[in-house]
Amino acid sequence: MGVEDYAKELARLATAKEHLEELLFEPTLRLGLIVLNCEAIKEETLSKISDLQDRLFRRIKKRITRTSKQIQVEVQAICTVINNEKIRDIEELCEVKDYVRRIPEEKLRIKAIIKDIQAQMALLEQYFCR
């Protein structure tokens, strides 16, 4: 599920919640011998929508945390190679040189992942701060 999918689902839930909160339910509705407690139904529905929103928020936060850890590991791996002071021979030096040449590609890939995390965090801020 991408950021756009999360955004659409959160927007749908927010719209449903707003509509339910605005509806003017009678506290009770008489249907012949049956009396419905409309306020309780409304509150239960709003509670379920809030639960769904919370589950989506937790899922996004979990995804952000997992991706952040992945970025940290990858950046740490780059730093380990770059800061290696114990190069034993010319072959190892050539390997490091080749690795350093590939860093811009890695940087672009990591940058794309960071942008995705930023979009997810913006989504959390947008709906969590309402």
N, C-alpha and C. Protein backbone atom coordinates (compact mmCIF):
# COMPACT_ATOMS: atom_id res chain seq x y z
N MET A 1 0.85 -1.17 0.00
CA MET A 1 0.00 0.00 0.00
C MET A 1 0.89 1.23 0.00
N GLY A 2 0.73 2.08 -1.00
CA GLY A 2 1.55 3.28 -1.11
C GLY A 2 0.98 4.45 -0.34
N VAL A 3 1.72 5.52 -0.32
CA VAL A 3 1.32 6.73 0.40
C VAL A 3 -0.02 7.24 -0.15
N GLU A 4 -0.18 7.18 -1.47
CA GLU A 4 -1.42 7.66 -2.09
C GLU A 4 -2.62 6.85 -1.61
N ASP A 5 -2.42 5.54 -1.49
CA ASP A 5 -3.51 4.68 -1.01
C ASP A 5 -3.89 5.01 0.43
N TYR A 6 -2.86 5.21 1.26
CA TYR A 6 -3.12 5.60 2.65
C TYR A 6 -3.87 6.93 2.69
N ALA A 7 -3.44 7.87 1.86
CA ALA A 7 -4.07 9.20 1.84
C ALA A 7 -5.53 9.10 1.44
N LYS A 8 -5.82 8.30 0.41
CA LYS A 8 -7.21 8.13 -0.04
C LYS A 8 -8.07 7.51 1.06
N GLU A 9 -7.53 6.48 1.70
CA GLU A 9 -8.31 5.80 2.75
C GLU A 9 -8.54 6.72 3.94
N LEU A 10 -7.51 7.46 4.34
CA LEU A 10 -7.68 8.39 5.45
C LEU A 10 -8.67 9.50 5.10
N ALA A 11 -8.65 9.96 3.86
CA ALA A 11 -9.60 10.99 3.42
C ALA A 11 -11.02 10.45 3.47
N ARG A 12 -11.20 9.21 3.02
CA ARG A 12 -12.55 8.60 3.06
C ARG A 12 -13.05 8.47 4.49
N LEU A 13 -12.17 8.02 5.38
CA LEU A 13 -12.58 7.86 6.78
C LEU A 13 -12.89 9.22 7.41
N ALA A 14 -12.08 10.23 7.10
CA ALA A 14 -12.33 11.57 7.66
C ALA A 14 -13.66 12.12 7.16
N THR A 15 -13.94 11.91 5.87
CA THR A 15 -15.20 12.39 5.30
C THR A 15 -16.38 11.68 5.94
N ALA A 16 -16.28 10.37 6.09
CA ALA A 16 -17.37 9.61 6.72
C ALA A 16 -17.60 10.09 8.15
N LYS A 17 -16.52 10.31 8.86
CA LYS A 17 -16.63 10.77 10.25
C LYS A 17 -17.29 12.15 10.32
N GLU A 18 -16.88 13.07 9.43
CA GLU A 18 -17.46 14.40 9.41
C GLU A 18 -18.95 14.35 9.10
N HIS A 19 -19.33 13.52 8.14
CA HIS A 19 -20.75 13.41 7.78
C HIS A 19 -21.57 12.85 8.94
N LEU A 20 -21.04 11.84 9.60
CA LEU A 20 -21.77 11.27 10.73
C LEU A 20 -21.90 12.26 11.88
N GLU A 21 -20.84 13.02 12.12
CA GLU A 21 -20.90 14.00 13.21
C GLU A 21 -21.89 15.12 12.91
N GLU A 22 -22.08 15.44 11.63
CA GLU A 22 -22.97 16.53 11.25
C GLU A 22 -24.44 16.11 11.18
N LEU A 23 -24.67 14.82 10.99
CA LEU A 23 -26.06 14.37 10.86
C LEU A 23 -26.83 14.60 12.15
N LEU A 24 -28.03 15.04 12.00
CA LEU A 24 -28.87 15.30 13.17
C LEU A 24 -29.73 14.08 13.46
N PHE A 25 -29.19 13.17 14.21
CA PHE A 25 -29.93 11.99 14.62
C PHE A 25 -30.87 12.36 15.77
N GLU A 26 -32.04 11.81 15.71
CA GLU A 26 -32.89 11.87 16.90
C GLU A 26 -32.26 10.92 17.91
N PRO A 27 -32.34 11.23 19.18
CA PRO A 27 -31.73 10.33 20.17
C PRO A 27 -32.29 8.91 20.09
N THR A 28 -33.57 8.81 19.80
CA THR A 28 -34.18 7.48 19.64
C THR A 28 -35.10 7.53 18.43
N LEU A 29 -35.30 6.39 17.84
CA LEU A 29 -36.17 6.28 16.68
C LEU A 29 -37.15 5.14 16.94
N ARG A 30 -38.44 5.46 16.90
CA ARG A 30 -39.47 4.45 17.15
C ARG A 30 -39.89 3.81 15.84
N LEU A 31 -39.79 2.51 15.80
CA LEU A 31 -40.22 1.72 14.64
C LEU A 31 -41.29 0.73 15.12
N GLY A 32 -42.44 1.25 15.37
CA GLY A 32 -43.51 0.41 15.90
C GLY A 32 -43.18 -0.01 17.32
N LEU A 33 -43.02 -1.29 17.53
CA LEU A 33 -42.69 -1.81 18.87
C LEU A 33 -41.20 -1.70 19.19
N ILE A 34 -40.41 -1.45 18.19
CA ILE A 34 -38.96 -1.38 18.39
C ILE A 34 -38.52 0.07 18.52
N VAL A 35 -37.63 0.32 19.48
CA VAL A 35 -37.07 1.65 19.68
C VAL A 35 -35.55 1.53 19.49
N LEU A 36 -35.03 2.28 18.53
CA LEU A 36 -33.59 2.27 18.27
C LEU A 36 -32.93 3.44 18.99
N ASN A 37 -31.81 3.16 19.60
CA ASN A 37 -31.01 4.21 20.23
C ASN A 37 -30.02 4.73 19.17
N CYS A 38 -30.43 5.75 18.43
CA CYS A 38 -29.63 6.28 17.32
C CYS A 38 -28.32 6.89 17.79
N GLU A 39 -28.34 7.51 18.94
CA GLU A 39 -27.12 8.13 19.47
C GLU A 39 -26.06 7.06 19.74
N ALA A 40 -26.48 5.93 20.26
CA ALA A 40 -25.53 4.84 20.53
C ALA A 40 -24.97 4.28 19.22
N ILE A 41 -25.81 4.15 18.20
CA ILE A 41 -25.36 3.66 16.90
C ILE A 41 -24.36 4.64 16.29
N LYS A 42 -24.67 5.92 16.39
CA LYS A 42 -23.78 6.96 15.87
C LYS A 42 -22.43 6.90 16.59
N GLU A 43 -22.45 6.83 17.90
CA GLU A 43 -21.20 6.80 18.68
C GLU A 43 -20.39 5.54 18.37
N GLU A 44 -21.06 4.40 18.23
CA GLU A 44 -20.36 3.16 17.91
C GLU A 44 -19.71 3.24 16.53
N THR A 45 -20.42 3.81 15.57
CA THR A 45 -19.88 3.96 14.21
C THR A 45 -18.69 4.91 14.21
N LEU A 46 -18.82 6.03 14.89
CA LEU A 46 -17.70 6.98 15.00
C LEU A 46 -16.49 6.34 15.67
N SER A 47 -16.75 5.52 16.67
CA SER A 47 -15.67 4.82 17.38
C SER A 47 -14.95 3.85 16.44
N LYS A 48 -15.71 3.15 15.62
CA LYS A 48 -15.10 2.20 14.67
C LYS A 48 -14.27 2.94 13.62
N ILE A 49 -14.75 4.08 13.17
CA ILE A 49 -13.98 4.88 12.20
C ILE A 49 -12.69 5.37 12.84
N SER A 50 -12.77 5.84 14.09
CA SER A 50 -11.56 6.28 14.79
C SER A 50 -10.57 5.13 14.96
N ASP A 51 -11.08 3.95 15.26
CA ASP A 51 -10.21 2.78 15.39
C ASP A 51 -9.51 2.47 14.07
N LEU A 52 -10.24 2.56 12.97
CA LEU A 52 -9.64 2.32 11.65
C LEU A 52 -8.55 3.35 11.36
N GLN A 53 -8.83 4.61 11.68
CA GLN A 53 -7.82 5.66 11.48
C GLN A 53 -6.58 5.38 12.32
N ASP A 54 -6.78 5.00 13.57
CA ASP A 54 -5.65 4.70 14.45
C ASP A 54 -4.82 3.54 13.90
N ARG A 55 -5.49 2.52 13.39
CA ARG A 55 -4.77 1.38 12.81
C ARG A 55 -3.94 1.80 11.61
N LEU A 56 -4.51 2.66 10.77
CA LEU A 56 -3.75 3.15 9.62
C LEU A 56 -2.56 4.00 10.07
N PHE A 57 -2.77 4.86 11.07
CA PHE A 57 -1.67 5.67 11.60
C PHE A 57 -0.55 4.78 12.13
N ARG A 58 -0.91 3.74 12.89
CA ARG A 58 0.11 2.83 13.44
C ARG A 58 0.86 2.12 12.31
N ARG A 59 0.13 1.73 11.28
CA ARG A 59 0.75 1.03 10.16
C ARG A 59 1.74 1.96 9.43
N ILE A 60 1.35 3.20 9.24
CA ILE A 60 2.24 4.17 8.58
C ILE A 60 3.47 4.41 9.45
N LYS A 61 3.27 4.60 10.76
CA LYS A 61 4.39 4.83 11.67
C LYS A 61 5.34 3.64 11.69
N LYS A 62 4.78 2.43 11.65
CA LYS A 62 5.61 1.23 11.64
C LYS A 62 6.42 1.17 10.35
N ARG A 63 5.80 1.54 9.25
CA ARG A 63 6.49 1.54 7.96
C ARG A 63 7.61 2.59 7.96
N ILE A 64 7.35 3.76 8.52
CA ILE A 64 8.37 4.81 8.61
C ILE A 64 9.55 4.33 9.45
N THR A 65 9.26 3.71 10.57
CA THR A 65 10.32 3.22 11.46
C THR A 65 11.17 2.16 10.76
N ARG A 66 10.51 1.21 10.11
CA ARG A 66 11.22 0.14 9.42
C ARG A 66 12.11 0.71 8.31
N THR A 67 11.58 1.64 7.53
CA THR A 67 12.33 2.23 6.44
C THR A 67 13.48 3.08 6.96
N SER A 68 13.26 3.80 8.05
CA SER A 68 14.32 4.61 8.65
C SER A 68 15.48 3.74 9.10
N LYS A 69 15.16 2.61 9.69
CA LYS A 69 16.22 1.68 10.11
C LYS A 69 16.99 1.15 8.91
N GLN A 70 16.28 0.88 7.83
CA GLN A 70 16.92 0.40 6.60
C GLN A 70 17.90 1.45 6.07
N ILE A 71 17.47 2.71 6.05
CA ILE A 71 18.33 3.79 5.59
C ILE A 71 19.57 3.91 6.49
N GLN A 72 19.35 3.81 7.78
CA GLN A 72 20.46 3.92 8.72
C GLN A 72 21.49 2.83 8.46
N VAL A 73 21.03 1.62 8.22
CA VAL A 73 21.95 0.50 7.96
C VAL A 73 22.73 0.75 6.67
N GLU A 74 22.04 1.21 5.64
CA GLU A 74 22.70 1.44 4.36
C GLU A 74 23.72 2.57 4.42
N VAL A 75 23.37 3.65 5.10
CA VAL A 75 24.31 4.77 5.25
C VAL A 75 25.51 4.34 6.10
N GLN A 76 25.25 3.57 7.14
CA GLN A 76 26.33 3.08 7.98
C GLN A 76 27.28 2.18 7.18
N ALA A 77 26.72 1.37 6.28
CA ALA A 77 27.56 0.51 5.44
C ALA A 77 28.46 1.35 4.53
N ILE A 78 27.91 2.41 3.97
CA ILE A 78 28.71 3.32 3.12
C ILE A 78 29.83 3.95 3.95
N CYS A 79 29.48 4.43 5.14
CA CYS A 79 30.48 5.07 6.00
C CYS A 79 31.57 4.08 6.41
N THR A 80 31.21 2.85 6.65
CA THR A 80 32.19 1.84 7.04
C THR A 80 33.22 1.63 5.94
N VAL A 81 32.73 1.53 4.70
CA VAL A 81 33.66 1.33 3.57
C VAL A 81 34.54 2.56 3.37
N ILE A 82 33.92 3.73 3.42
CA ILE A 82 34.67 4.96 3.18
C ILE A 82 35.72 5.20 4.27
N ASN A 83 35.36 4.91 5.50
CA ASN A 83 36.26 5.18 6.62
C ASN A 83 37.22 4.05 6.95
N ASN A 84 37.26 3.04 6.10
CA ASN A 84 38.14 1.90 6.34
C ASN A 84 39.60 2.34 6.18
N GLU A 85 40.33 2.32 7.25
CA GLU A 85 41.73 2.74 7.22
C GLU A 85 42.68 1.55 7.05
N LYS A 86 42.14 0.36 7.06
CA LYS A 86 43.00 -0.83 7.01
C LYS A 86 42.91 -1.50 5.64
N ILE A 87 43.25 -0.78 4.61
CA ILE A 87 43.27 -1.35 3.27
C ILE A 87 44.58 -2.12 3.14
N ARG A 88 44.46 -3.40 2.81
CA ARG A 88 45.62 -4.28 2.83
C ARG A 88 46.44 -4.27 1.55
N ASP A 89 45.74 -4.18 0.41
CA ASP A 89 46.49 -4.25 -0.85
C ASP A 89 45.81 -3.41 -1.92
N ILE A 90 46.42 -3.40 -3.09
CA ILE A 90 45.93 -2.58 -4.19
C ILE A 90 44.57 -3.05 -4.68
N GLU A 91 44.32 -4.36 -4.63
CA GLU A 91 43.01 -4.89 -5.05
C GLU A 91 41.89 -4.35 -4.18
N GLU A 92 42.13 -4.35 -2.90
CA GLU A 92 41.13 -3.83 -1.96
C GLU A 92 40.94 -2.33 -2.18
N LEU A 93 42.01 -1.62 -2.48
CA LEU A 93 41.92 -0.20 -2.77
C LEU A 93 41.08 0.04 -4.03
N CYS A 94 41.25 -0.80 -5.05
CA CYS A 94 40.46 -0.68 -6.28
C CYS A 94 38.98 -0.97 -6.02
N GLU A 95 38.72 -1.95 -5.16
CA GLU A 95 37.33 -2.25 -4.80
C GLU A 95 36.69 -1.06 -4.10
N VAL A 96 37.42 -0.43 -3.20
CA VAL A 96 36.90 0.75 -2.50
C VAL A 96 36.66 1.88 -3.49
N LYS A 97 37.60 2.04 -4.43
CA LYS A 97 37.46 3.10 -5.44
C LYS A 97 36.21 2.87 -6.28
N ASP A 98 35.97 1.62 -6.69
CA ASP A 98 34.76 1.29 -7.47
C ASP A 98 33.50 1.53 -6.64
N TYR A 99 33.58 1.17 -5.37
CA TYR A 99 32.43 1.37 -4.48
C TYR A 99 32.12 2.86 -4.34
N VAL A 100 33.16 3.67 -4.20
CA VAL A 100 32.97 5.12 -4.06
C VAL A 100 32.35 5.69 -5.33
N ARG A 101 32.69 5.14 -6.48
CA ARG A 101 32.08 5.60 -7.73
C ARG A 101 30.59 5.30 -7.79
N ARG A 102 30.18 4.23 -7.13
CA ARG A 102 28.75 3.86 -7.12
C ARG A 102 27.93 4.61 -6.06
N ILE A 103 28.59 5.34 -5.22
CA ILE A 103 27.89 6.06 -4.14
C ILE A 103 26.82 7.02 -4.67
N PRO A 104 27.06 7.78 -5.74
CA PRO A 104 25.99 8.66 -6.22
C PRO A 104 24.70 7.90 -6.58
N GLU A 105 24.84 6.71 -7.15
CA GLU A 105 23.65 5.90 -7.44
C GLU A 105 22.94 5.50 -6.14
N GLU A 106 23.72 5.07 -5.17
CA GLU A 106 23.17 4.70 -3.87
C GLU A 106 22.50 5.91 -3.22
N LYS A 107 23.15 7.06 -3.36
CA LYS A 107 22.61 8.29 -2.77
C LYS A 107 21.25 8.62 -3.38
N LEU A 108 21.11 8.47 -4.69
CA LEU A 108 19.83 8.74 -5.34
C LEU A 108 18.75 7.77 -4.87
N ARG A 109 19.14 6.50 -4.73
CA ARG A 109 18.18 5.49 -4.26
C ARG A 109 17.73 5.80 -2.83
N ILE A 110 18.68 6.13 -1.98
CA ILE A 110 18.36 6.47 -0.58
C ILE A 110 17.53 7.75 -0.52
N LYS A 111 17.85 8.70 -1.38
CA LYS A 111 17.10 9.96 -1.42
C LYS A 111 15.63 9.70 -1.77
N ALA A 112 15.38 8.78 -2.71
CA ALA A 112 14.00 8.43 -3.07
C ALA A 112 13.27 7.81 -1.88
N ILE A 113 13.97 6.98 -1.14
CA ILE A 113 13.36 6.36 0.05
C ILE A 113 13.05 7.44 1.10
N ILE A 114 13.96 8.38 1.26
CA ILE A 114 13.74 9.46 2.23
C ILE A 114 12.53 10.30 1.83
N LYS A 115 12.39 10.59 0.53
CA LYS A 115 11.24 11.35 0.06
C LYS A 115 9.94 10.62 0.37
N ASP A 116 9.96 9.29 0.22
CA ASP A 116 8.77 8.49 0.53
C ASP A 116 8.44 8.61 2.02
N ILE A 117 9.45 8.54 2.86
CA ILE A 117 9.23 8.69 4.31
C ILE A 117 8.68 10.07 4.62
N GLN A 118 9.23 11.09 3.96
CA GLN A 118 8.74 12.45 4.19
C GLN A 118 7.26 12.57 3.80
N ALA A 119 6.87 11.94 2.70
CA ALA A 119 5.47 11.97 2.28
C ALA A 119 4.59 11.27 3.31
N GLN A 120 5.07 10.16 3.86
CA GLN A 120 4.31 9.45 4.88
C GLN A 120 4.18 10.28 6.15
N MET A 121 5.26 10.95 6.53
CA MET A 121 5.22 11.79 7.73
C MET A 121 4.29 12.98 7.52
N ALA A 122 4.30 13.56 6.33
CA ALA A 122 3.40 14.67 6.03
C ALA A 122 1.95 14.20 6.11
N LEU A 123 1.70 12.98 5.65
CA LEU A 123 0.36 12.42 5.73
C LEU A 123 -0.08 12.26 7.18
N LEU A 124 0.81 11.76 8.01
CA LEU A 124 0.49 11.63 9.44
C LEU A 124 0.20 12.99 10.05
N GLU A 125 1.02 13.97 9.74
CA GLU A 125 0.80 15.31 10.27
C GLU A 125 -0.51 15.90 9.80
N GLN A 126 -0.82 15.68 8.54
CA GLN A 126 -2.05 16.24 7.96
C GLN A 126 -3.30 15.72 8.68
N TYR A 127 -3.35 14.43 8.96
CA TYR A 127 -4.55 13.86 9.56
C TYR A 127 -4.47 13.79 11.08
N PHE A 128 -3.27 13.68 11.61
CA PHE A 128 -3.16 13.57 13.06
C PHE A 128 -3.35 14.90 13.75
N CYS A 129 -3.02 15.98 13.05
CA CYS A 129 -3.13 17.31 13.64
C CYS A 129 -4.47 17.97 13.37
N ARG A 130 -5.42 17.24 12.86
CA ARG A 130 -6.76 17.81 12.60
C ARG A 130 -7.50 18.03 13.88
